[in-house]
Amino acid sequence: MDTTTWPGTVLILGLSFLALILLIGTAATVHEFRKLKISAAVQEDLRQLVRRYEQLAENTMDAQQRMSNELSDVRARATSIEQILRTVE
């Protein structure tokens, strides 16, 4: 192939342009794939965070319920102790 003539030069430039287009397309595809992979990892991290938050909220609710039950029990005991002290006086 003689690159000193116009047809040869056009052919070489055309093939170079096609190779450049393929290279840019491949790079764009790889870049998009990496973005999707990172996005999926971020979404999974967020799901784990939400699961941990829900578990923490559930544990907190259980602890609050236990504390409320214990507090009402202590109040009942304090009331009965006050009644006993009033009858002793």
PDB file of N, CA and C in Angstrom:
ATOM      1  N   MET A   1       0.842  -1.163   0.000  1.00  0.00           N
ATOM      2  CA  MET A   1       0.000   0.000   0.000  1.00  0.00           C
ATOM      3  C   MET A   1       0.896   1.237   0.000  1.00  0.00           C
ATOM      4  N   ASP A   2       0.663   2.058  -0.948  1.00  0.00           N
ATOM      5  CA  ASP A   2       1.475   3.257  -1.118  1.00  0.00           C
ATOM      6  C   ASP A   2       0.764   4.427  -0.450  1.00  0.00           C
ATOM      7  N   THR A   3       1.397   4.984   0.607  1.00  0.00           N
ATOM      8  CA  THR A   3       0.776   6.099   1.329  1.00  0.00           C
ATOM      9  C   THR A   3       1.124   7.448   0.717  1.00  0.00           C
ATOM     10  N   THR A   4       1.856   7.437  -0.370  1.00  0.00           N
ATOM     11  CA  THR A   4       2.188   8.711  -1.014  1.00  0.00           C
ATOM     12  C   THR A   4       1.105   9.148  -1.995  1.00  0.00           C
ATOM     13  N   THR A   5       0.166   8.253  -2.285  1.00  0.00           N
ATOM     14  CA  THR A   5      -0.940   8.617  -3.169  1.00  0.00           C
ATOM     15  C   THR A   5      -2.167   8.937  -2.327  1.00  0.00           C
ATOM     16  N   TRP A   6      -3.098   9.685  -2.911  1.00  0.00           N
ATOM     17  CA  TRP A   6      -4.299  10.078  -2.174  1.00  0.00           C
ATOM     18  C   TRP A   6      -5.154   8.895  -1.732  1.00  0.00           C
ATOM     19  N   PRO A   7      -5.411   7.935  -2.556  1.00  0.00           N
ATOM     20  CA  PRO A   7      -6.236   6.807  -2.099  1.00  0.00           C
ATOM     21  C   PRO A   7      -5.605   6.055  -0.928  1.00  0.00           C
ATOM     22  N   GLY A   8      -4.314   5.857  -0.960  1.00  0.00           N
ATOM     23  CA  GLY A   8      -3.635   5.187   0.153  1.00  0.00           C
ATOM     24  C   GLY A   8      -3.692   6.009   1.421  1.00  0.00           C
ATOM     25  N   THR A   9      -3.490   7.314   1.288  1.00  0.00           N
ATOM     26  CA  THR A   9      -3.530   8.203   2.443  1.00  0.00           C
ATOM     27  C   THR A   9      -4.932   8.234   3.049  1.00  0.00           C
ATOM     28  N   VAL A  10      -5.951   8.314   2.200  1.00  0.00           N
ATOM     29  CA  VAL A  10      -7.340   8.326   2.678  1.00  0.00           C
ATOM     30  C   VAL A  10      -7.665   7.013   3.380  1.00  0.00           C
ATOM     31  N   LEU A  11      -7.189   5.901   2.817  1.00  0.00           N
ATOM     32  CA  LEU A  11      -7.426   4.597   3.431  1.00  0.00           C
ATOM     33  C   LEU A  11      -6.773   4.516   4.809  1.00  0.00           C
ATOM     34  N   ILE A  12      -5.544   4.940   4.900  1.00  0.00           N
ATOM     35  CA  ILE A  12      -4.830   4.919   6.185  1.00  0.00           C
ATOM     36  C   ILE A  12      -5.524   5.834   7.185  1.00  0.00           C
ATOM     37  N   LEU A  13      -5.915   7.052   6.749  1.00  0.00           N
ATOM     38  CA  LEU A  13      -6.627   7.965   7.652  1.00  0.00           C
ATOM     39  C   LEU A  13      -7.970   7.389   8.074  1.00  0.00           C
ATOM     40  N   GLY A  14      -8.683   6.748   7.136  1.00  0.00           N
ATOM     41  CA  GLY A  14      -9.975   6.126   7.459  1.00  0.00           C
ATOM     42  C   GLY A  14      -9.829   5.006   8.464  1.00  0.00           C
ATOM     43  N   LEU A  15      -8.835   4.143   8.258  1.00  0.00           N
ATOM     44  CA  LEU A  15      -8.591   3.057   9.210  1.00  0.00           C
ATOM     45  C   LEU A  15      -8.150   3.592  10.571  1.00  0.00           C
ATOM     46  N   SER A  16      -7.337   4.642  10.569  1.00  0.00           N
ATOM     47  CA  SER A  16      -6.911   5.253  11.836  1.00  0.00           C
ATOM     48  C   SER A  16      -8.105   5.848  12.567  1.00  0.00           C
ATOM     49  N   PHE A  17      -9.002   6.511  11.807  1.00  0.00           N
ATOM     50  CA  PHE A  17     -10.193   7.095  12.402  1.00  0.00           C
ATOM     51  C   PHE A  17     -11.100   6.005  12.964  1.00  0.00           C
ATOM     52  N   LEU A  18     -11.265   4.907  12.244  1.00  0.00           N
ATOM     53  CA  LEU A  18     -12.073   3.777  12.719  1.00  0.00           C
ATOM     54  C   LEU A  18     -11.469   3.186  13.987  1.00  0.00           C
ATOM     55  N   ALA A  19     -10.152   3.030  14.020  1.00  0.00           N
ATOM     56  CA  ALA A  19      -9.485   2.509  15.215  1.00  0.00           C
ATOM     57  C   ALA A  19      -9.678   3.461  16.399  1.00  0.00           C
ATOM     58  N   LEU A  20      -9.606   4.767  16.138  1.00  0.00           N
ATOM     59  CA  LEU A  20      -9.813   5.749  17.191  1.00  0.00           C
ATOM     60  C   LEU A  20     -11.241   5.673  17.729  1.00  0.00           C
ATOM     61  N   ILE A  21     -12.226   5.543  16.838  1.00  0.00           N
ATOM     62  CA  ILE A  21     -13.627   5.422  17.250  1.00  0.00           C
ATOM     63  C   ILE A  21     -13.819   4.167  18.103  1.00  0.00           C
ATOM     64  N   LEU A  22     -13.238   3.056  17.681  1.00  0.00           N
ATOM     65  CA  LEU A  22     -13.345   1.822  18.460  1.00  0.00           C
ATOM     66  C   LEU A  22     -12.679   1.960  19.826  1.00  0.00           C
ATOM     67  N   LEU A  23     -11.533   2.631  19.858  1.00  0.00           N
ATOM     68  CA  LEU A  23     -10.833   2.840  21.120  1.00  0.00           C
ATOM     69  C   LEU A  23     -11.656   3.714  22.059  1.00  0.00           C
ATOM     70  N   ILE A  24     -12.242   4.779  21.538  1.00  0.00           N
ATOM     71  CA  ILE A  24     -13.071   5.670  22.357  1.00  0.00           C
ATOM     72  C   ILE A  24     -14.313   4.925  22.843  1.00  0.00           C
ATOM     73  N   GLY A  25     -14.924   4.135  21.969  1.00  0.00           N
ATOM     74  CA  GLY A  25     -16.099   3.346  22.360  1.00  0.00           C
ATOM     75  C   GLY A  25     -15.783   2.347  23.459  1.00  0.00           C
ATOM     76  N   THR A  26     -14.651   1.676  23.317  1.00  0.00           N
ATOM     77  CA  THR A  26     -14.232   0.719  24.338  1.00  0.00           C
ATOM     78  C   THR A  26     -13.960   1.417  25.664  1.00  0.00           C
ATOM     79  N   ALA A  27     -13.284   2.540  25.617  1.00  0.00           N
ATOM     80  CA  ALA A  27     -12.986   3.284  26.839  1.00  0.00           C
ATOM     81  C   ALA A  27     -14.275   3.761  27.509  1.00  0.00           C
ATOM     82  N   ALA A  28     -15.241   4.231  26.716  1.00  0.00           N
ATOM     83  CA  ALA A  28     -16.511   4.694  27.274  1.00  0.00           C
ATOM     84  C   ALA A  28     -17.279   3.538  27.910  1.00  0.00           C
ATOM     85  N   THR A  29     -17.244   2.389  27.276  1.00  0.00           N
ATOM     86  CA  THR A  29     -17.929   1.213  27.822  1.00  0.00           C
ATOM     87  C   THR A  29     -17.299   0.771  29.134  1.00  0.00           C
ATOM     88  N   VAL A  30     -15.980   0.731  29.166  1.00  0.00           N
ATOM     89  CA  VAL A  30     -15.272   0.347  30.395  1.00  0.00           C
ATOM     90  C   VAL A  30     -15.569   1.355  31.502  1.00  0.00           C
ATOM     91  N   HIS A  31     -15.566   2.633  31.164  1.00  0.00           N
ATOM     92  CA  HIS A  31     -15.847   3.668  32.151  1.00  0.00           C
ATOM     93  C   HIS A  31     -17.271   3.525  32.701  1.00  0.00           C
ATOM     94  N   GLU A  32     -18.238   3.292  31.835  1.00  0.00           N
ATOM     95  CA  GLU A  32     -19.630   3.124  32.263  1.00  0.00           C
ATOM     96  C   GLU A  32     -19.783   1.880  33.130  1.00  0.00           C
ATOM     97  N   PHE A  33     -19.107   0.795  32.772  1.00  0.00           N
ATOM     98  CA  PHE A  33     -19.156  -0.429  33.572  1.00  0.00           C
ATOM     99  C   PHE A  33     -18.599  -0.189  34.972  1.00  0.00           C
ATOM    100  N   ARG A  34     -17.510   0.534  35.061  1.00  0.00           N
ATOM    101  CA  ARG A  34     -16.931   0.841  36.378  1.00  0.00           C
ATOM    102  C   ARG A  34     -17.869   1.711  37.207  1.00  0.00           C
ATOM    103  N   LYS A  35     -18.517   2.686  36.550  1.00  0.00           N
ATOM    104  CA  LYS A  35     -19.478   3.524  37.265  1.00  0.00           C
ATOM    105  C   LYS A  35     -20.636   2.692  37.806  1.00  0.00           C
ATOM    106  N   LEU A  36     -21.134   1.766  36.996  1.00  0.00           N
ATOM    107  CA  LEU A  36     -22.225   0.904  37.442  1.00  0.00           C
ATOM    108  C   LEU A  36     -21.793   0.006  38.592  1.00  0.00           C
ATOM    109  N   LYS A  37     -20.575  -0.492  38.509  1.00  0.00           N
ATOM    110  CA  LYS A  37     -20.051  -1.356  39.567  1.00  0.00           C
ATOM    111  C   LYS A  37     -19.917  -0.580  40.879  1.00  0.00           C
ATOM    112  N   ILE A  38     -19.409   0.626  40.811  1.00  0.00           N
ATOM    113  CA  ILE A  38     -19.274   1.464  42.006  1.00  0.00           C
ATOM    114  C   ILE A  38     -20.648   1.828  42.552  1.00  0.00           C
ATOM    115  N   SER A  39     -21.575   2.144  41.673  1.00  0.00           N
ATOM    116  CA  SER A  39     -22.933   2.489  42.091  1.00  0.00           C
ATOM    117  C   SER A  39     -23.594   1.309  42.793  1.00  0.00           C
ATOM    118  N   ALA A  40     -23.401   0.115  42.273  1.00  0.00           N
ATOM    119  CA  ALA A  40     -23.969  -1.077  42.907  1.00  0.00           C
ATOM    120  C   ALA A  40     -23.359  -1.293  44.293  1.00  0.00           C
ATOM    121  N   ALA A  41     -22.065  -1.063  44.414  1.00  0.00           N
ATOM    122  CA  ALA A  41     -21.413  -1.217  45.721  1.00  0.00           C
ATOM    123  C   ALA A  41     -21.942  -0.190  46.714  1.00  0.00           C
ATOM    124  N   VAL A  42     -22.145   1.029  46.260  1.00  0.00           N
ATOM    125  CA  VAL A  42     -22.683   2.077  47.139  1.00  0.00           C
ATOM    126  C   VAL A  42     -24.104   1.722  47.572  1.00  0.00           C
ATOM    127  N   GLN A  43     -24.908   1.225  46.644  1.00  0.00           N
ATOM    128  CA  GLN A  43     -26.276   0.846  46.990  1.00  0.00           C
ATOM    129  C   GLN A  43     -26.288  -0.299  47.994  1.00  0.00           C
ATOM    130  N   GLU A  44     -25.403  -1.251  47.836  1.00  0.00           N
ATOM    131  CA  GLU A  44     -25.330  -2.355  48.790  1.00  0.00           C
ATOM    132  C   GLU A  44     -24.901  -1.855  50.166  1.00  0.00           C
ATOM    133  N   ASP A  45     -23.945  -0.933  50.196  1.00  0.00           N
ATOM    134  CA  ASP A  45     -23.534  -0.342  51.474  1.00  0.00           C
ATOM    135  C   ASP A  45     -24.698   0.384  52.133  1.00  0.00           C
ATOM    136  N   LEU A  46     -25.483   1.089  51.339  1.00  0.00           N
ATOM    137  CA  LEU A  46     -26.646   1.796  51.889  1.00  0.00           C
ATOM    138  C   LEU A  46     -27.685   0.809  52.415  1.00  0.00           C
ATOM    139  N   ARG A  47     -27.891  -0.290  51.703  1.00  0.00           N
ATOM    140  CA  ARG A  47     -28.831  -1.312  52.187  1.00  0.00           C
ATOM    141  C   ARG A  47     -28.372  -1.877  53.522  1.00  0.00           C
ATOM    142  N   GLN A  48     -27.070  -2.151  53.637  1.00  0.00           N
ATOM    143  CA  GLN A  48     -26.541  -2.654  54.902  1.00  0.00           C
ATOM    144  C   GLN A  48     -26.716  -1.628  56.013  1.00  0.00           C
ATOM    145  N   LEU A  49     -26.498  -0.371  55.684  1.00  0.00           N
ATOM    146  CA  LEU A  49     -26.674   0.691  56.679  1.00  0.00           C
ATOM    147  C   LEU A  49     -28.123   0.775  57.129  1.00  0.00           C
ATOM    148  N   VAL A  50     -29.050   0.657  56.198  1.00  0.00           N
ATOM    149  CA  VAL A  50     -30.470   0.699  56.547  1.00  0.00           C
ATOM    150  C   VAL A  50     -30.829  -0.501  57.416  1.00  0.00           C
ATOM    151  N   ARG A  51     -30.310  -1.687  57.070  1.00  0.00           N
ATOM    152  CA  ARG A  51     -30.568  -2.880  57.899  1.00  0.00           C
ATOM    153  C   ARG A  51     -30.038  -2.687  59.310  1.00  0.00           C
ATOM    154  N   ARG A  52     -28.830  -2.139  59.418  1.00  0.00           N
ATOM    155  CA  ARG A  52     -28.260  -1.899  60.745  1.00  0.00           C
ATOM    156  C   ARG A  52     -29.078  -0.879  61.520  1.00  0.00           C
ATOM    157  N   TYR A  53     -29.553   0.171  60.823  1.00  0.00           N
ATOM    158  CA  TYR A  53     -30.379   1.181  61.480  1.00  0.00           C
ATOM    159  C   TYR A  53     -31.694   0.577  61.969  1.00  0.00           C
ATOM    160  N   GLU A  54     -32.337  -0.243  61.124  1.00  0.00           N
ATOM    161  CA  GLU A  54     -33.589  -0.869  61.527  1.00  0.00           C
ATOM    162  C   GLU A  54     -33.392  -1.786  62.723  1.00  0.00           C
ATOM    163  N   GLN A  55     -32.289  -2.530  62.727  1.00  0.00           N
ATOM    164  CA  GLN A  55     -31.998  -3.409  63.857  1.00  0.00           C
ATOM    165  C   GLN A  55     -31.744  -2.589  65.116  1.00  0.00           C
ATOM    166  N   LEU A  56     -31.001  -1.516  64.976  1.00  0.00           N
ATOM    167  CA  LEU A  56     -30.741  -0.648  66.124  1.00  0.00           C
ATOM    168  C   LEU A  56     -32.036  -0.029  66.637  1.00  0.00           C
ATOM    169  N   ALA A  57     -32.908   0.409  65.736  1.00  0.00           N
ATOM    170  CA  ALA A  57     -34.182   0.996  66.146  1.00  0.00           C
ATOM    171  C   ALA A  57     -35.038  -0.038  66.865  1.00  0.00           C
ATOM    172  N   GLU A  58     -35.021  -1.267  66.360  1.00  0.00           N
ATOM    173  CA  GLU A  58     -35.791  -2.328  67.013  1.00  0.00           C
ATOM    174  C   GLU A  58     -35.233  -2.627  68.397  1.00  0.00           C
ATOM    175  N   ASN A  59     -33.913  -2.717  68.510  1.00  0.00           N
ATOM    176  CA  ASN A  59     -33.293  -2.966  69.818  1.00  0.00           C
ATOM    177  C   ASN A  59     -33.582  -1.826  70.787  1.00  0.00           C
ATOM    178  N   THR A  60     -33.542  -0.599  70.277  1.00  0.00           N
ATOM    179  CA  THR A  60     -33.824   0.560  71.123  1.00  0.00           C
ATOM    180  C   THR A  60     -35.269   0.532  71.597  1.00  0.00           C
ATOM    181  N   MET A  61     -36.180   0.166  70.692  1.00  0.00           N
ATOM    182  CA  MET A  61     -37.587   0.089  71.063  1.00  0.00           C
ATOM    183  C   MET A  61     -37.802  -0.976  72.139  1.00  0.00           C
ATOM    184  N   ASP A  62     -37.141  -2.111  71.987  1.00  0.00           N
ATOM    185  CA  ASP A  62     -37.244  -3.167  73.001  1.00  0.00           C
ATOM    186  C   ASP A  62     -36.694  -2.693  74.341  1.00  0.00           C
ATOM    187  N   ALA A  63     -35.554  -2.029  74.309  1.00  0.00           N
ATOM    188  CA  ALA A  63     -34.953  -1.525  75.550  1.00  0.00           C
ATOM    189  C   ALA A  63     -35.862  -0.482  76.201  1.00  0.00           C
ATOM    190  N   GLN A  64     -36.459   0.387  75.408  1.00  0.00           N
ATOM    191  CA  GLN A  64     -37.373   1.386  75.960  1.00  0.00           C
ATOM    192  C   GLN A  64     -38.596   0.716  76.582  1.00  0.00           C
ATOM    193  N   GLN A  65     -39.095  -0.309  75.947  1.00  0.00           N
ATOM    194  CA  GLN A  65     -40.255  -1.033  76.482  1.00  0.00           C
ATOM    195  C   GLN A  65     -39.892  -1.698  77.806  1.00  0.00           C
ATOM    196  N   ARG A  66     -38.724  -2.319  77.867  1.00  0.00           N
ATOM    197  CA  ARG A  66     -38.286  -2.943  79.130  1.00  0.00           C
ATOM    198  C   ARG A  66     -38.114  -1.901  80.220  1.00  0.00           C
ATOM    199  N   MET A  67     -37.507  -0.774  79.865  1.00  0.00           N
ATOM    200  CA  MET A  67     -37.316   0.291  80.857  1.00  0.00           C
ATOM    201  C   MET A  67     -38.660   0.833  81.344  1.00  0.00           C
ATOM    202  N   SER A  68     -39.616   0.956  80.438  1.00  0.00           N
ATOM    203  CA  SER A  68     -40.943   1.432  80.812  1.00  0.00           C
ATOM    204  C   SER A  68     -41.604   0.449  81.769  1.00  0.00           C
ATOM    205  N   ASN A  69     -41.498  -0.843  81.493  1.00  0.00           N
ATOM    206  CA  ASN A  69     -42.069  -1.861  82.387  1.00  0.00           C
ATOM    207  C   ASN A  69     -41.394  -1.831  83.752  1.00  0.00           C
ATOM    208  N   GLU A  70     -40.074  -1.715  83.751  1.00  0.00           N
ATOM    209  CA  GLU A  70     -39.347  -1.668  85.027  1.00  0.00           C
ATOM    210  C   GLU A  70     -39.702  -0.412  85.808  1.00  0.00           C
ATOM    211  N   LEU A  71     -39.837   0.704  85.122  1.00  0.00           N
ATOM    212  CA  LEU A  71     -40.190   1.952  85.789  1.00  0.00           C
ATOM    213  C   LEU A  71     -41.581   1.876  86.400  1.00  0.00           C
ATOM    214  N   SER A  72     -42.528   1.288  85.685  1.00  0.00           N
ATOM    215  CA  SER A  72     -43.874   1.158  86.258  1.00  0.00           C
ATOM    216  C   SER A  72     -43.844   0.210  87.454  1.00  0.00           C
ATOM    217  N   ASP A  73     -43.007  -0.817  87.415  1.00  0.00           N
ATOM    218  CA  ASP A  73     -42.859  -1.731  88.549  1.00  0.00           C
ATOM    219  C   ASP A  73     -42.260  -0.999  89.749  1.00  0.00           C
ATOM    220  N   VAL A  74     -41.254  -0.166  89.507  1.00  0.00           N
ATOM    221  CA  VAL A  74     -40.635   0.606  90.594  1.00  0.00           C
ATOM    222  C   VAL A  74     -41.646   1.592  91.185  1.00  0.00           C
ATOM    223  N   ARG A  75     -42.439   2.217  90.334  1.00  0.00           N
ATOM    224  CA  ARG A  75     -43.465   3.143  90.830  1.00  0.00           C
ATOM    225  C   ARG A  75     -44.476   2.413  91.710  1.00  0.00           C
ATOM    226  N   ALA A  76     -44.883   1.226  91.283  1.00  0.00           N
ATOM    227  CA  ALA A  76     -45.832   0.451  92.089  1.00  0.00           C
ATOM    228  C   ALA A  76     -45.218   0.090  93.439  1.00  0.00           C
ATOM    229  N   ARG A  77     -43.962  -0.303  93.439  1.00  0.00           N
ATOM    230  CA  ARG A  77     -43.275  -0.633  94.707  1.00  0.00           C
ATOM    231  C   ARG A  77     -43.166   0.604  95.598  1.00  0.00           C
ATOM    232  N   ALA A  78     -42.817   1.749  94.983  1.00  0.00           N
ATOM    233  CA  ALA A  78     -42.691   2.975  95.770  1.00  0.00           C
ATOM    234  C   ALA A  78     -44.040   3.363  96.369  1.00  0.00           C
ATOM    235  N   THR A  79     -45.102   3.200  95.628  1.00  0.00           N
ATOM    236  CA  THR A  79     -46.439   3.509  96.145  1.00  0.00           C
ATOM    237  C   THR A  79     -46.789   2.591  97.303  1.00  0.00           C
ATOM    238  N   SER A  80     -46.501   1.313  97.167  1.00  0.00           N
ATOM    239  CA  SER A  80     -46.812   0.384  98.266  1.00  0.00           C
ATOM    240  C   SER A  80     -45.947   0.673  99.486  1.00  0.00           C
ATOM    241  N   ILE A  81     -44.685   1.061  99.285  1.00  0.00           N
ATOM    242  CA  ILE A  81     -43.817   1.420 100.424  1.00  0.00           C
ATOM    243  C   ILE A  81     -44.349   2.664 101.114  1.00  0.00           C
ATOM    244  N   GLU A  82     -44.818   3.656 100.334  1.00  0.00           N
ATOM    245  CA  GLU A  82     -45.394   4.871 100.929  1.00  0.00           C
ATOM    246  C   GLU A  82     -46.635   4.535 101.744  1.00  0.00           C
ATOM    247  N   GLN A  83     -47.448   3.637 101.244  1.00  0.00           N
ATOM    248  CA  GLN A  83     -48.666   3.256 101.989  1.00  0.00           C
ATOM    249  C   GLN A  83     -48.299   2.546 103.286  1.00  0.00           C
ATOM    250  N   ILE A  84     -47.285   1.711 103.238  1.00  0.00           N
ATOM    251  CA  ILE A  84     -46.840   1.002 104.449  1.00  0.00           C
ATOM    252  C   ILE A  84     -46.309   2.021 105.448  1.00  0.00           C
ATOM    253  N   LEU A  85     -45.516   2.989 104.980  1.00  0.00           N
ATOM    254  CA  LEU A  85     -44.948   4.014 105.879  1.00  0.00           C
ATOM    255  C   LEU A  85     -46.058   4.869 106.488  1.00  0.00           C
ATOM    256  N   ARG A  86     -47.105   5.161 105.740  1.00  0.00           N
ATOM    257  CA  ARG A  86     -48.206   5.960 106.278  1.00  0.00           C
ATOM    258  C   ARG A  86     -48.966   5.186 107.343  1.00  0.00           C
ATOM    259  N   THR A  87     -49.106   3.906 107.149  1.00  0.00           N
ATOM    260  CA  THR A  87     -49.820   3.122 108.174  1.00  0.00           C
ATOM    261  C   THR A  87     -48.975   2.951 109.411  1.00  0.00           C
ATOM    262  N   VAL A  88     -47.671   2.972 109.289  1.00  0.00           N
ATOM    263  CA  VAL A  88     -46.791   2.828 110.458  1.00  0.00           C
ATOM    264  C   VAL A  88     -46.826   4.095 111.306  1.00  0.00           C
ATOM    265  N   GLU A  89     -46.943   5.230 110.704  1.00  0.00           N
ATOM    266  CA  GLU A  89     -46.934   6.489 111.447  1.00  0.00           C
ATOM    267  C   GLU A  89     -48.177   6.589 112.212  1.00  0.00           C
TER     268      GLU A  89
END
